[in-house]
Amino acid sequence: MATLKFELRNRPDKKGFCPIRVVIQDKGKRVFVPLPIKLHPKFWDKKTQRVTAEHSQATVINSALKLRL
């Protein structure tokens, strides 16, 4: 059975924003699917795989992430 999770890529652009990507893992193979959402790392909660409430668009982005699953 495949597992899905969101992660913030650890390569920031010149402005300090990192893209969010979906990681799909199945039978030891991983596929990374980039999303058109970039975020400053301080607004990303690695444990919950969501944008923190401190970000002004947190509910909008988290809803968009939920729809991607």
N, C-alpha and C. Protein backbone atom coordinates (compact mmCIF):
# COMPACT_ATOMS: atom_id res chain seq x y z
N MET A 1 0.84 -1.18 0.00
CA MET A 1 0.00 0.00 0.00
C MET A 1 0.89 1.25 0.00
N ALA A 2 0.54 2.18 -0.82
CA ALA A 2 1.33 3.41 -0.96
C ALA A 2 1.03 4.37 0.19
N THR A 3 2.05 5.12 0.59
CA THR A 3 1.87 6.16 1.60
C THR A 3 2.14 7.51 0.96
N LEU A 4 1.39 8.51 1.42
CA LEU A 4 1.53 9.87 0.93
C LEU A 4 1.86 10.79 2.09
N LYS A 5 2.75 11.73 1.84
CA LYS A 5 3.02 12.75 2.85
C LYS A 5 3.49 14.01 2.15
N PHE A 6 3.37 15.12 2.84
CA PHE A 6 3.84 16.40 2.33
C PHE A 6 5.16 16.72 3.02
N GLU A 7 6.05 17.35 2.27
CA GLU A 7 7.28 17.81 2.89
C GLU A 7 7.71 19.11 2.23
N LEU A 8 8.44 19.88 2.98
CA LEU A 8 8.99 21.13 2.49
C LEU A 8 10.39 20.84 1.99
N ARG A 9 10.62 21.06 0.72
CA ARG A 9 11.94 20.79 0.16
C ARG A 9 12.95 21.71 0.82
N ASN A 10 14.12 21.19 1.09
CA ASN A 10 15.11 21.96 1.86
C ASN A 10 16.04 22.81 0.99
N ARG A 11 15.57 23.22 -0.18
CA ARG A 11 16.36 24.09 -1.04
C ARG A 11 15.60 25.40 -1.27
N PRO A 12 15.87 26.40 -0.46
CA PRO A 12 15.16 27.68 -0.64
C PRO A 12 15.62 28.41 -1.90
N ASP A 13 14.70 29.20 -2.46
CA ASP A 13 15.06 30.05 -3.59
C ASP A 13 15.77 31.31 -3.08
N LYS A 14 16.01 32.25 -3.95
CA LYS A 14 16.75 33.46 -3.57
C LYS A 14 16.02 34.29 -2.52
N LYS A 15 14.70 34.16 -2.46
CA LYS A 15 13.90 34.91 -1.48
C LYS A 15 13.71 34.14 -0.17
N GLY A 16 14.22 32.91 -0.10
CA GLY A 16 14.13 32.12 1.13
C GLY A 16 12.92 31.22 1.22
N PHE A 17 12.18 31.07 0.11
CA PHE A 17 10.99 30.23 0.10
C PHE A 17 11.31 28.85 -0.45
N CYS A 18 10.69 27.83 0.14
CA CYS A 18 10.90 26.45 -0.28
C CYS A 18 9.60 25.88 -0.84
N PRO A 19 9.67 25.06 -1.89
CA PRO A 19 8.46 24.46 -2.43
C PRO A 19 7.97 23.29 -1.57
N ILE A 20 6.67 23.12 -1.56
CA ILE A 20 6.07 21.96 -0.91
C ILE A 20 5.93 20.88 -1.96
N ARG A 21 6.20 19.65 -1.57
CA ARG A 21 6.04 18.55 -2.51
C ARG A 21 5.36 17.36 -1.83
N VAL A 22 4.76 16.52 -2.63
CA VAL A 22 4.13 15.30 -2.15
C VAL A 22 5.14 14.17 -2.34
N VAL A 23 5.29 13.34 -1.32
CA VAL A 23 6.16 12.18 -1.41
C VAL A 23 5.25 10.95 -1.41
N ILE A 24 5.33 10.18 -2.48
CA ILE A 24 4.55 8.94 -2.60
C ILE A 24 5.54 7.79 -2.49
N GLN A 25 5.29 6.91 -1.53
CA GLN A 25 6.20 5.78 -1.32
C GLN A 25 5.41 4.49 -1.43
N ASP A 26 5.92 3.58 -2.27
CA ASP A 26 5.27 2.29 -2.45
C ASP A 26 6.34 1.24 -2.74
N LYS A 27 6.36 0.22 -1.93
CA LYS A 27 7.29 -0.91 -2.10
C LYS A 27 8.74 -0.45 -2.20
N GLY A 28 9.12 0.49 -1.36
CA GLY A 28 10.49 0.96 -1.30
C GLY A 28 10.86 2.01 -2.33
N LYS A 29 9.96 2.31 -3.23
CA LYS A 29 10.24 3.34 -4.24
C LYS A 29 9.55 4.63 -3.85
N ARG A 30 10.24 5.75 -4.06
CA ARG A 30 9.68 7.06 -3.73
C ARG A 30 9.59 7.93 -4.97
N VAL A 31 8.47 8.63 -5.07
CA VAL A 31 8.25 9.57 -6.15
C VAL A 31 7.93 10.92 -5.53
N PHE A 32 8.56 11.97 -6.03
CA PHE A 32 8.35 13.32 -5.52
C PHE A 32 7.56 14.11 -6.55
N VAL A 33 6.44 14.69 -6.10
CA VAL A 33 5.58 15.49 -6.97
C VAL A 33 5.58 16.91 -6.43
N PRO A 34 6.19 17.84 -7.15
CA PRO A 34 6.22 19.23 -6.67
C PRO A 34 4.85 19.89 -6.80
N LEU A 35 4.54 20.73 -5.84
CA LEU A 35 3.30 21.51 -5.87
C LEU A 35 3.64 22.96 -6.15
N PRO A 36 2.70 23.72 -6.71
CA PRO A 36 2.99 25.12 -7.03
C PRO A 36 2.86 26.06 -5.83
N ILE A 37 3.23 25.57 -4.65
CA ILE A 37 3.13 26.35 -3.42
C ILE A 37 4.52 26.48 -2.81
N LYS A 38 4.95 27.72 -2.56
CA LYS A 38 6.23 27.96 -1.89
C LYS A 38 5.96 28.65 -0.57
N LEU A 39 6.82 28.38 0.39
CA LEU A 39 6.58 28.81 1.75
C LEU A 39 7.91 29.04 2.46
N HIS A 40 7.94 29.98 3.37
CA HIS A 40 9.13 30.17 4.20
C HIS A 40 9.16 29.03 5.23
N PRO A 41 10.31 28.41 5.46
CA PRO A 41 10.40 27.26 6.36
C PRO A 41 9.87 27.49 7.77
N LYS A 42 9.89 28.74 8.27
CA LYS A 42 9.42 28.97 9.63
C LYS A 42 7.91 28.78 9.76
N PHE A 43 7.19 28.73 8.65
CA PHE A 43 5.74 28.54 8.69
C PHE A 43 5.33 27.09 8.43
N TRP A 44 6.28 26.17 8.35
CA TRP A 44 5.96 24.78 8.07
C TRP A 44 6.13 23.93 9.33
N ASP A 45 5.10 23.13 9.64
CA ASP A 45 5.17 22.21 10.78
C ASP A 45 5.47 20.82 10.22
N LYS A 46 6.68 20.37 10.43
CA LYS A 46 7.13 19.09 9.88
C LYS A 46 6.34 17.91 10.47
N LYS A 47 5.98 18.02 11.72
CA LYS A 47 5.29 16.92 12.39
C LYS A 47 3.88 16.71 11.83
N THR A 48 3.14 17.80 11.65
CA THR A 48 1.76 17.67 11.15
C THR A 48 1.68 17.77 9.63
N GLN A 49 2.79 18.16 8.98
CA GLN A 49 2.86 18.32 7.54
C GLN A 49 1.86 19.36 7.05
N ARG A 50 1.76 20.45 7.78
CA ARG A 50 0.83 21.52 7.46
C ARG A 50 1.48 22.88 7.72
N VAL A 51 0.85 23.92 7.20
CA VAL A 51 1.29 25.29 7.42
C VAL A 51 0.82 25.72 8.81
N THR A 52 1.68 26.40 9.55
CA THR A 52 1.32 26.83 10.90
C THR A 52 0.31 27.98 10.85
N ALA A 53 -0.39 28.16 11.92
CA ALA A 53 -1.43 29.19 12.01
C ALA A 53 -0.84 30.60 11.97
N GLU A 54 0.45 30.73 12.16
CA GLU A 54 1.10 32.04 12.13
C GLU A 54 1.11 32.65 10.73
N HIS A 55 0.97 31.82 9.71
CA HIS A 55 0.96 32.30 8.32
C HIS A 55 -0.42 32.87 7.99
N SER A 56 -0.45 33.99 7.30
CA SER A 56 -1.72 34.67 7.02
C SER A 56 -2.65 33.86 6.11
N GLN A 57 -2.11 32.98 5.29
CA GLN A 57 -2.93 32.17 4.38
C GLN A 57 -2.94 30.69 4.79
N ALA A 58 -2.72 30.41 6.05
CA ALA A 58 -2.59 29.02 6.52
C ALA A 58 -3.82 28.18 6.20
N THR A 59 -5.01 28.69 6.46
CA THR A 59 -6.21 27.88 6.22
C THR A 59 -6.41 27.60 4.74
N VAL A 60 -6.10 28.57 3.90
CA VAL A 60 -6.25 28.39 2.45
C VAL A 60 -5.26 27.35 1.93
N ILE A 61 -4.01 27.47 2.35
CA ILE A 61 -2.98 26.53 1.89
C ILE A 61 -3.24 25.13 2.43
N ASN A 62 -3.60 25.02 3.70
CA ASN A 62 -3.88 23.70 4.28
C ASN A 62 -5.08 23.05 3.61
N SER A 63 -6.07 23.84 3.25
CA SER A 63 -7.23 23.28 2.53
C SER A 63 -6.80 22.77 1.16
N ALA A 64 -5.94 23.53 0.49
CA ALA A 64 -5.44 23.10 -0.82
C ALA A 64 -4.64 21.81 -0.69
N LEU A 65 -3.85 21.69 0.36
CA LEU A 65 -3.08 20.45 0.58
C LEU A 65 -4.01 19.27 0.84
N LYS A 66 -5.05 19.52 1.61
CA LYS A 66 -6.01 18.45 1.91
C LYS A 66 -6.71 17.95 0.64
N LEU A 67 -6.99 18.87 -0.27
CA LEU A 67 -7.62 18.49 -1.54
C LEU A 67 -6.68 17.66 -2.42
N ARG A 68 -5.40 17.85 -2.26
CA ARG A 68 -4.42 17.11 -3.08
C ARG A 68 -4.36 15.64 -2.70
N LEU A 69 -4.78 15.31 -1.49
CA LEU A 69 -4.77 13.91 -1.08
C LEU A 69 -5.99 13.28 -1.63
